[in-house]
Amino acid sequence: MPKQTIADVDVASKTVLMRVDFNVPLDDNKNVTDDRRVRMALPTIRHVLDNGGAVVLMSHLGRPKGAPDPAFSLKPAADKLRELLGGVDVQLAADTAGPDAEAKVGALRPGQVLVLENVRFNAGEKKGGDDAYNAKLASFGDVYCNNAFGTCHRTQASMYAVPKAMKAAGKPAVVGFLVEKEIQYLTDTIQNPQRPFVAILGGAKVSDKINVIDNLLGVCDRVLIGGAMAYTFSLAQGGKVGGSLVEKDKVDLAKELIEKGGDKLVLPTDTHAGDDFSGDCNKMIVKAGEVPDGYEGLDIGPETAAYYAQLVKAAKTVVWNGPMGVFEMPPFDAGTKAVAQAIADSDATSIIGGGDSAAAIEQLGFADQVTHVSTGGGASLEMLEGKSFASVELLDDK
């Protein structure tokens, strides 16, 4: 059932309590090094401001231990938002649900934005909230808006208990434009793909992607495997992997997926290996399953990269989640580059899962040549598994 969006609610003279995902990377000087998550939230924030409302933003940043920690303050994100909104009054509260937040919410006027301090500075956030914490946050808005796709797979207080409390009080609870777009792309792509439908899955662990592979084998025409998890599949086929990163306890699962996948599951045919985890190590290209002792697989080989690119270029729908190798360290970025280039060059509907894949496509300069780059790593994976989100299900239906 489609959910109501912020566009379905009259926000004039109202305060919208909006959950966003401002979990942005920071450098040593606390400068935001990638502002994509802030930029992606802007259309929903601007919509409220342009229609006579005020906005109170909630987010987490990093992993503080349920208590205030200056290292994880949302100040850099609030500063970046102020810069991007240009001319809008953006304030930062010194706490989340405390006296400073309460005072600043009380003084907020239409056209203004207030960023609450990191929700994870409160022990109640991760355990789903306590009644006092939930009630205080719920009192901060006339409307709840979930615009934080990156945390939609979580049921922490600001994602679930707070909107539940607001709904119980008769207040609207809706999705923002970002969450609407993410769910539309990921759901529609899986349910009604144009074919051929090719999925590319990389990253370190088979265990992270077992359910995704399992689900996609049922809907895709081809599922291409890269990254370190390919070496667990090599072991399952009786191959040699040298010192490659593997999950020995997942070999039986890999065998089951190989059996289930048949021709749909495509594994690398060659491997770019090195004798050390560094860009200037001794290197060799070997057949998949023939990595010698003293070497480890660090990327798919050129033959595999060319074949994967060929399959991608022939596809009508492509989903990519996870790099093909150690893409941060040349020359072991070649496989990831080849796949990204093929996706950019194709005419397919292309959806890039969050996390490392999103970082790679941004770094390589192809972000504007793909259909959609997701803001959520874990959330996009769970959608590719076919899961629904409790934090979205509880929101108002159209």
Protein backbone atom coordinates (compact mmCIF):
# COMPACT_ATOMS: atom_id res chain seq x y z
CA MET A 1 0.00 0.00 0.00
CA PRO A 2 1.53 3.36 -1.03
CA LYS A 3 2.20 5.73 1.85
CA GLN A 4 1.16 9.35 2.17
CA THR A 5 3.99 11.76 1.49
CA ILE A 6 4.76 15.17 2.91
CA ALA A 7 3.01 16.60 -0.19
CA ASP A 8 -0.29 15.08 1.02
CA VAL A 9 -0.29 17.12 4.26
CA ASP A 10 -1.03 20.80 4.84
CA VAL A 11 2.09 22.03 6.65
CA ALA A 12 1.25 25.75 6.76
CA SER A 13 1.99 27.16 10.23
CA LYS A 14 2.85 23.65 11.42
CA THR A 15 6.06 22.11 12.72
CA VAL A 16 7.23 18.97 10.93
CA LEU A 17 9.33 16.59 13.00
CA MET A 18 11.50 14.93 10.36
CA ARG A 19 13.83 11.96 10.77
CA VAL A 20 16.75 12.37 8.36
CA ASP A 21 19.96 10.44 7.85
CA PHE A 22 22.77 12.93 8.43
CA ASN A 23 25.24 10.18 9.34
CA VAL A 24 27.87 11.85 7.16
CA PRO A 25 31.62 11.15 7.00
CA LEU A 26 33.85 13.72 8.72
CA ASP A 27 37.57 14.47 8.43
CA ASP A 28 39.90 15.10 11.38
CA ASN A 29 38.81 18.75 11.47
CA LYS A 30 35.12 17.77 11.65
CA ASN A 31 34.39 18.90 8.11
CA VAL A 32 31.80 16.93 6.11
CA THR A 33 33.69 15.06 3.36
CA ASP A 34 30.61 13.78 1.49
CA ASP A 35 27.41 15.83 1.77
CA ARG A 36 25.22 13.59 -0.43
CA ARG A 37 22.94 12.50 2.43
CA VAL A 38 22.33 16.13 3.39
CA ARG A 39 21.70 17.12 -0.23
CA MET A 40 19.24 14.25 -0.74
CA ALA A 41 17.15 15.50 2.20
CA LEU A 42 16.86 19.05 0.81
CA PRO A 43 13.77 18.69 -1.45
CA THR A 44 11.62 17.50 1.47
CA ILE A 45 12.95 20.17 3.85
CA ARG A 46 12.47 22.91 1.24
CA HIS A 47 8.92 21.71 0.52
CA VAL A 48 7.93 22.27 4.15
CA LEU A 49 9.62 25.69 4.33
CA ASP A 50 8.16 26.82 0.98
CA ASN A 51 4.66 25.84 2.18
CA GLY A 52 4.78 27.84 5.39
CA GLY A 53 6.00 25.23 7.85
CA ALA A 54 8.93 24.87 10.25
CA VAL A 55 11.20 21.84 10.44
CA VAL A 56 12.71 19.99 13.41
CA LEU A 57 15.31 17.47 12.26
CA MET A 58 16.37 14.29 14.08
CA SER A 59 19.37 12.17 13.08
CA HIS A 60 22.13 9.99 14.43
CA LEU A 61 25.81 10.28 13.58
CA GLY A 62 28.33 7.53 14.27
CA ARG A 63 28.05 5.18 17.22
CA PRO A 64 28.11 7.06 20.50
CA LYS A 65 27.37 4.92 23.55
CA GLY A 66 24.03 6.38 24.58
CA ALA A 67 25.56 9.50 26.15
CA PRO A 68 26.71 12.89 24.81
CA ASP A 69 30.07 12.73 23.01
CA PRO A 70 31.40 15.86 21.24
CA ALA A 71 33.14 13.68 18.64
CA PHE A 72 29.71 12.72 17.29
CA SER A 73 27.96 16.09 17.44
CA LEU A 74 25.64 16.93 14.54
CA LYS A 75 27.11 20.46 14.38
CA PRO A 76 29.10 19.76 11.16
CA ALA A 77 25.95 18.40 9.48
CA ALA A 78 23.90 21.39 10.70
CA ASP A 79 26.57 23.77 9.37
CA LYS A 80 26.54 21.98 6.00
CA LEU A 81 22.73 22.16 5.88
CA ARG A 82 22.84 25.91 6.64
CA GLU A 83 25.33 26.37 3.80
CA LEU A 84 23.24 24.35 1.33
CA LEU A 85 19.93 26.02 2.25
CA GLY A 86 21.50 29.49 1.87
CA GLY A 87 19.71 32.18 3.83
CA VAL A 88 17.51 29.88 5.90
CA ASP A 89 17.74 30.17 9.69
CA VAL A 90 19.19 26.78 10.77
CA GLN A 91 19.76 26.31 14.50
CA LEU A 92 21.28 23.43 16.47
CA ALA A 93 19.93 22.33 19.85
CA ALA A 94 22.45 21.34 22.51
CA ASP A 95 20.43 18.22 23.34
CA THR A 96 17.83 15.95 21.74
CA ALA A 97 14.83 15.91 24.06
CA GLY A 98 16.16 18.14 26.85
CA PRO A 99 15.55 21.73 27.98
CA ASP A 100 17.51 23.43 25.17
CA ALA A 101 15.67 21.47 22.48
CA GLU A 102 12.33 22.16 24.17
CA ALA A 103 13.02 25.91 24.38
CA LYS A 104 14.21 26.13 20.76
CA VAL A 105 11.24 24.13 19.46
CA GLY A 106 8.92 26.47 21.39
CA ALA A 107 10.50 29.51 19.77
CA LEU A 108 10.56 28.06 16.22
CA ARG A 109 8.71 29.99 13.54
CA PRO A 110 7.60 29.10 9.98
CA GLY A 111 10.56 29.10 7.59
CA GLN A 112 13.06 28.10 10.28
CA VAL A 113 14.92 24.81 10.80
CA LEU A 114 16.09 23.29 14.08
CA VAL A 115 18.52 20.37 14.14
CA LEU A 116 18.28 18.36 17.36
CA GLU A 117 21.54 16.97 18.73
CA ASN A 118 22.46 13.33 17.92
CA VAL A 119 19.58 11.04 18.90
CA ARG A 120 22.08 8.36 19.91
CA PHE A 121 23.28 10.57 22.77
CA ASN A 122 20.20 9.15 24.50
CA ALA A 123 20.19 5.58 25.86
CA GLY A 124 16.50 5.32 25.00
CA GLU A 125 17.08 5.74 21.26
CA LYS A 126 18.63 2.37 20.45
CA LYS A 127 16.52 0.32 22.83
CA GLY A 128 13.41 1.65 21.13
CA GLY A 129 13.00 4.55 23.51
CA ASP A 130 11.48 5.01 26.92
CA ASP A 131 8.04 6.53 27.34
CA ALA A 132 9.28 9.94 28.54
CA TYR A 133 11.83 10.24 25.70
CA ASN A 134 9.28 9.15 23.07
CA ALA A 135 6.61 11.51 24.40
CA LYS A 136 8.97 14.50 24.50
CA LEU A 137 10.12 14.01 20.90
CA ALA A 138 6.52 13.36 19.77
CA SER A 139 5.51 16.70 21.32
CA PHE A 140 8.00 18.55 19.10
CA GLY A 141 5.95 18.25 15.91
CA ASP A 142 2.45 18.51 14.45
CA VAL A 143 3.45 16.14 11.63
CA TYR A 144 5.99 13.27 11.54
CA CYS A 145 8.02 12.72 8.37
CA ASN A 146 10.33 9.76 7.76
CA ASN A 147 12.97 10.95 5.29
CA ALA A 148 15.79 8.68 6.52
CA PHE A 149 15.99 5.73 4.14
CA GLY A 150 19.42 4.74 5.48
CA THR A 151 17.82 3.76 8.81
CA CYS A 152 14.42 2.51 7.60
CA HIS A 153 15.44 -1.06 8.48
CA ARG A 154 15.83 0.00 12.14
CA THR A 155 13.09 0.23 14.75
CA GLN A 156 14.88 2.67 17.02
CA ALA A 157 12.83 5.27 18.86
CA SER A 158 13.02 8.14 16.36
CA MET A 159 12.11 5.73 13.54
CA TYR A 160 9.28 3.78 15.18
CA ALA A 161 8.18 4.64 18.74
CA VAL A 162 8.00 8.39 18.11
CA PRO A 163 5.80 8.23 14.97
CA LYS A 164 3.68 5.59 16.71
CA ALA A 165 3.13 8.00 19.62
CA MET A 166 2.35 10.85 17.23
CA LYS A 167 -0.18 8.74 15.34
CA ALA A 168 -1.80 7.77 18.63
CA ALA A 169 -2.22 11.51 19.27
CA GLY A 170 -3.96 11.93 15.91
CA LYS A 171 -1.02 13.55 14.12
CA PRO A 172 -0.16 12.70 10.49
CA ALA A 173 2.84 10.41 9.91
CA VAL A 174 4.17 10.36 6.34
CA VAL A 175 7.23 9.65 4.20
CA GLY A 176 9.52 12.28 2.72
CA PHE A 177 10.37 12.45 -0.97
CA LEU A 178 13.68 10.61 -0.49
CA VAL A 179 12.12 7.58 1.19
CA GLU A 180 9.29 7.59 -1.37
CA LYS A 181 11.84 7.59 -4.21
CA GLU A 182 14.07 4.89 -2.68
CA ILE A 183 11.19 2.50 -2.01
CA GLN A 184 9.67 3.15 -5.42
CA TYR A 185 12.92 2.38 -7.24
CA LEU A 186 13.92 -0.64 -5.20
CA THR A 187 10.44 -2.18 -4.95
CA ASP A 188 9.35 -1.53 -8.53
CA THR A 189 12.67 -2.73 -9.91
CA ILE A 190 12.44 -6.04 -8.08
CA GLN A 191 8.75 -6.59 -8.77
CA ASN A 192 8.52 -5.40 -12.38
CA PRO A 193 11.99 -5.44 -13.95
CA GLN A 194 12.68 -4.96 -17.61
CA ARG A 195 14.72 -7.91 -18.79
CA PRO A 196 17.45 -9.01 -18.95
CA PHE A 197 17.71 -8.19 -15.22
CA VAL A 198 21.29 -8.42 -13.93
CA ALA A 199 22.37 -8.08 -10.30
CA ILE A 200 26.02 -7.55 -9.34
CA LEU A 201 26.92 -8.39 -5.75
CA GLY A 202 30.32 -7.82 -4.19
CA GLY A 203 31.80 -7.05 -0.83
CA ALA A 204 33.57 -9.11 1.78
CA LYS A 205 31.07 -11.52 3.25
CA VAL A 206 28.71 -14.09 1.78
CA SER A 207 26.93 -14.02 5.14
CA ASP A 208 25.90 -10.36 4.57
CA LYS A 209 24.36 -11.21 1.19
CA ILE A 210 23.01 -14.79 1.52
CA ASN A 211 19.37 -13.69 1.66
CA VAL A 212 19.90 -11.13 -1.09
CA ILE A 213 21.47 -13.71 -3.41
CA ASP A 214 18.73 -16.18 -2.54
CA ASN A 215 15.96 -13.66 -3.29
CA LEU A 216 17.57 -12.28 -6.46
CA LEU A 217 18.14 -15.75 -7.92
CA GLY A 218 14.35 -15.99 -7.96
CA VAL A 219 13.84 -12.77 -9.92
CA CYS A 220 17.05 -12.02 -11.87
CA ASP A 221 18.30 -13.46 -15.13
CA ARG A 222 21.91 -13.32 -13.90
CA VAL A 223 23.53 -12.71 -10.50
CA LEU A 224 27.22 -11.78 -10.83
CA ILE A 225 29.49 -12.36 -7.84
CA GLY A 226 32.65 -10.39 -7.06
CA GLY A 227 34.59 -9.08 -4.09
CA ALA A 228 36.03 -11.20 -1.31
CA MET A 229 32.90 -13.32 -1.04
CA ALA A 230 33.85 -14.88 -4.37
CA TYR A 231 36.65 -16.75 -2.57
CA THR A 232 34.17 -18.50 -0.29
CA PHE A 233 32.44 -19.71 -3.45
CA SER A 234 35.86 -20.83 -4.78
CA LEU A 235 36.36 -22.93 -1.65
CA ALA A 236 32.89 -24.41 -2.13
CA GLN A 237 34.00 -25.54 -5.60
CA GLY A 238 37.16 -27.13 -4.20
CA GLY A 239 39.47 -24.33 -5.33
CA LYS A 240 42.63 -22.90 -3.74
CA VAL A 241 42.33 -19.41 -2.30
CA GLY A 242 45.74 -18.84 -0.69
CA GLY A 243 45.46 -16.16 1.98
CA SER A 244 42.24 -14.67 0.56
CA LEU A 245 39.54 -13.44 2.90
CA VAL A 246 37.03 -16.30 3.26
CA GLU A 247 34.23 -17.46 5.53
CA LYS A 248 34.98 -21.13 6.04
CA ASP A 249 31.79 -21.63 8.04
CA LYS A 250 29.74 -20.47 5.04
CA VAL A 251 31.16 -22.90 2.46
CA ASP A 252 28.14 -25.23 2.71
CA LEU A 253 25.79 -22.29 2.17
CA ALA A 254 27.84 -21.24 -0.85
CA LYS A 255 27.50 -24.79 -2.23
CA GLU A 256 23.72 -24.61 -1.80
CA LEU A 257 23.58 -21.27 -3.63
CA ILE A 258 25.72 -22.64 -6.48
CA GLU A 259 23.35 -25.61 -6.77
CA LYS A 260 20.25 -23.46 -6.60
CA GLY A 261 21.59 -20.79 -8.95
CA GLY A 262 22.74 -22.99 -11.78
CA ASP A 263 23.55 -20.89 -14.85
CA LYS A 264 22.03 -17.79 -13.23
CA LEU A 265 24.82 -17.52 -10.67
CA VAL A 266 27.94 -16.22 -12.41
CA LEU A 267 31.27 -16.55 -10.58
CA PRO A 268 34.66 -15.04 -11.53
CA THR A 269 36.86 -17.01 -13.92
CA ASP A 270 40.08 -15.25 -12.94
CA THR A 271 41.52 -13.37 -9.98
CA HIS A 272 43.94 -10.47 -9.52
CA ALA A 273 46.09 -11.59 -6.58
CA GLY A 274 48.84 -9.97 -4.54
CA ASP A 275 51.38 -11.20 -1.98
CA ASP A 276 50.53 -8.34 0.40
CA PHE A 277 47.57 -6.04 1.09
CA SER A 278 49.14 -3.04 -0.64
CA GLY A 279 49.16 -1.39 -4.03
CA ASP A 280 52.88 -2.01 -4.62
CA CYS A 281 52.94 -5.74 -3.74
CA ASN A 282 53.92 -8.49 -6.16
CA LYS A 283 50.89 -9.26 -8.33
CA MET A 284 49.65 -12.01 -10.60
CA ILE A 285 46.53 -12.89 -12.56
CA VAL A 286 45.47 -16.48 -11.88
CA LYS A 287 42.50 -18.63 -12.77
CA ALA A 288 39.73 -18.52 -10.18
CA GLY A 289 40.37 -21.20 -7.55
CA GLU A 290 44.12 -21.24 -8.24
CA VAL A 291 45.42 -18.56 -5.85
CA PRO A 292 48.82 -19.85 -4.61
CA ASP A 293 49.94 -19.88 -0.99
CA GLY A 294 51.42 -16.53 0.03
CA TYR A 295 49.01 -14.64 -2.23
CA GLU A 296 45.48 -13.35 -1.70
CA GLY A 297 42.75 -12.42 -4.12
CA LEU A 298 42.23 -8.64 -4.15
CA ASP A 299 40.08 -8.10 -7.26
CA ILE A 300 38.32 -9.93 -10.05
CA GLY A 301 40.64 -10.54 -12.99
CA PRO A 302 40.50 -8.80 -16.39
CA GLU A 303 38.73 -11.71 -18.11
CA THR A 304 35.96 -11.64 -15.50
CA ALA A 305 35.73 -7.84 -15.63
CA ALA A 306 35.29 -7.92 -19.43
CA TYR A 307 32.62 -10.64 -19.23
CA TYR A 308 30.71 -8.87 -16.47
CA ALA A 309 30.82 -5.63 -18.49
CA GLN A 310 29.42 -7.50 -21.50
CA LEU A 311 26.50 -8.89 -19.45
CA VAL A 312 25.81 -5.45 -17.96
CA LYS A 313 25.77 -3.73 -21.34
CA ALA A 314 23.18 -6.21 -22.62
CA ALA A 315 20.93 -5.73 -19.57
CA LYS A 316 17.76 -3.64 -19.32
CA THR A 317 17.81 -3.50 -15.49
CA VAL A 318 20.92 -3.53 -13.29
CA VAL A 319 21.21 -3.57 -9.52
CA TRP A 320 24.72 -3.25 -8.03
CA ASN A 321 25.62 -3.68 -4.39
CA GLY A 322 29.25 -4.15 -3.31
CA PRO A 323 32.63 -3.54 -4.99
CA MET A 324 34.45 -6.17 -7.05
CA GLY A 325 37.74 -5.78 -5.18
CA VAL A 326 39.74 -3.40 -3.01
CA PHE A 327 38.50 -0.39 -4.98
CA GLU A 328 40.25 2.15 -2.70
CA MET A 329 43.67 0.73 -3.66
CA PRO A 330 44.89 0.80 -7.29
CA PRO A 331 45.45 -1.37 -9.23
CA PHE A 332 42.88 -3.54 -7.40
CA ASP A 333 40.16 -1.05 -8.32
CA ALA A 334 40.16 -2.21 -11.96
CA GLY A 335 37.26 -4.67 -11.61
CA THR A 336 35.04 -2.16 -9.82
CA LYS A 337 35.93 0.50 -12.40
CA ALA A 338 35.07 -1.82 -15.30
CA VAL A 339 31.67 -2.67 -13.84
CA ALA A 340 30.91 0.98 -12.99
CA GLN A 341 31.91 2.09 -16.51
CA ALA A 342 29.71 -0.60 -18.07
CA ILE A 343 26.73 0.48 -15.96
CA ALA A 344 27.31 4.14 -16.86
CA ASP A 345 27.55 3.25 -20.58
CA SER A 346 24.45 1.03 -20.61
CA ASP A 347 20.89 2.06 -21.38
CA ALA A 348 19.61 0.00 -18.45
CA THR A 349 17.65 1.23 -15.47
CA SER A 350 20.51 1.15 -12.96
CA ILE A 351 20.23 1.19 -9.19
CA ILE A 352 23.34 1.43 -7.06
CA GLY A 353 23.03 0.13 -3.50
CA GLY A 354 24.37 2.33 -0.73
CA GLY A 355 27.64 2.00 1.17
CA ASP A 356 30.80 1.17 -0.79
CA SER A 357 29.01 0.91 -4.16
CA ALA A 358 27.63 4.42 -3.79
CA ALA A 359 31.06 5.68 -2.70
CA ALA A 360 32.70 3.99 -5.70
CA ILE A 361 30.23 5.36 -8.26
CA GLU A 362 30.66 8.86 -6.78
CA GLN A 363 34.46 8.66 -6.71
CA LEU A 364 34.60 7.43 -10.30
CA GLY A 365 32.39 10.31 -11.46
CA PHE A 366 29.53 8.16 -12.77
CA ALA A 367 26.82 9.11 -10.25
CA ASP A 368 25.01 11.31 -12.78
CA GLN A 369 25.09 8.52 -15.41
CA VAL A 370 23.07 5.99 -13.42
CA THR A 371 19.35 5.99 -12.66
CA HIS A 372 19.49 5.98 -8.87
CA VAL A 373 22.16 5.92 -6.17
CA SER A 374 20.69 4.72 -2.88
CA THR A 375 21.49 6.52 0.38
CA GLY A 376 21.10 3.34 2.43
CA GLY A 377 23.50 0.38 2.48
CA GLY A 378 21.80 -1.94 4.97
CA ALA A 379 18.33 -0.67 4.07
CA SER A 380 18.79 -1.22 0.34
CA LEU A 381 20.12 -4.72 1.02
CA GLU A 382 17.05 -5.58 3.07
CA MET A 383 14.79 -4.29 0.29
CA LEU A 384 16.69 -6.47 -2.18
CA GLU A 385 15.98 -9.38 0.17
CA GLY A 386 12.30 -8.63 -0.28
CA LYS A 387 11.75 -7.38 3.27
CA SER A 388 9.37 -4.63 4.33
CA PHE A 389 10.16 -2.07 7.04
CA ALA A 390 8.13 -1.73 10.25
CA SER A 391 9.19 1.95 10.40
CA VAL A 392 7.45 2.56 7.06
CA GLU A 393 4.53 0.16 7.47
CA LEU A 394 3.17 2.12 10.46
CA LEU A 395 2.96 5.38 8.49
CA ASP A 396 -0.29 6.68 6.99
CA ASP A 397 -1.58 4.96 3.85
CA LYS A 398 -2.72 6.97 0.84
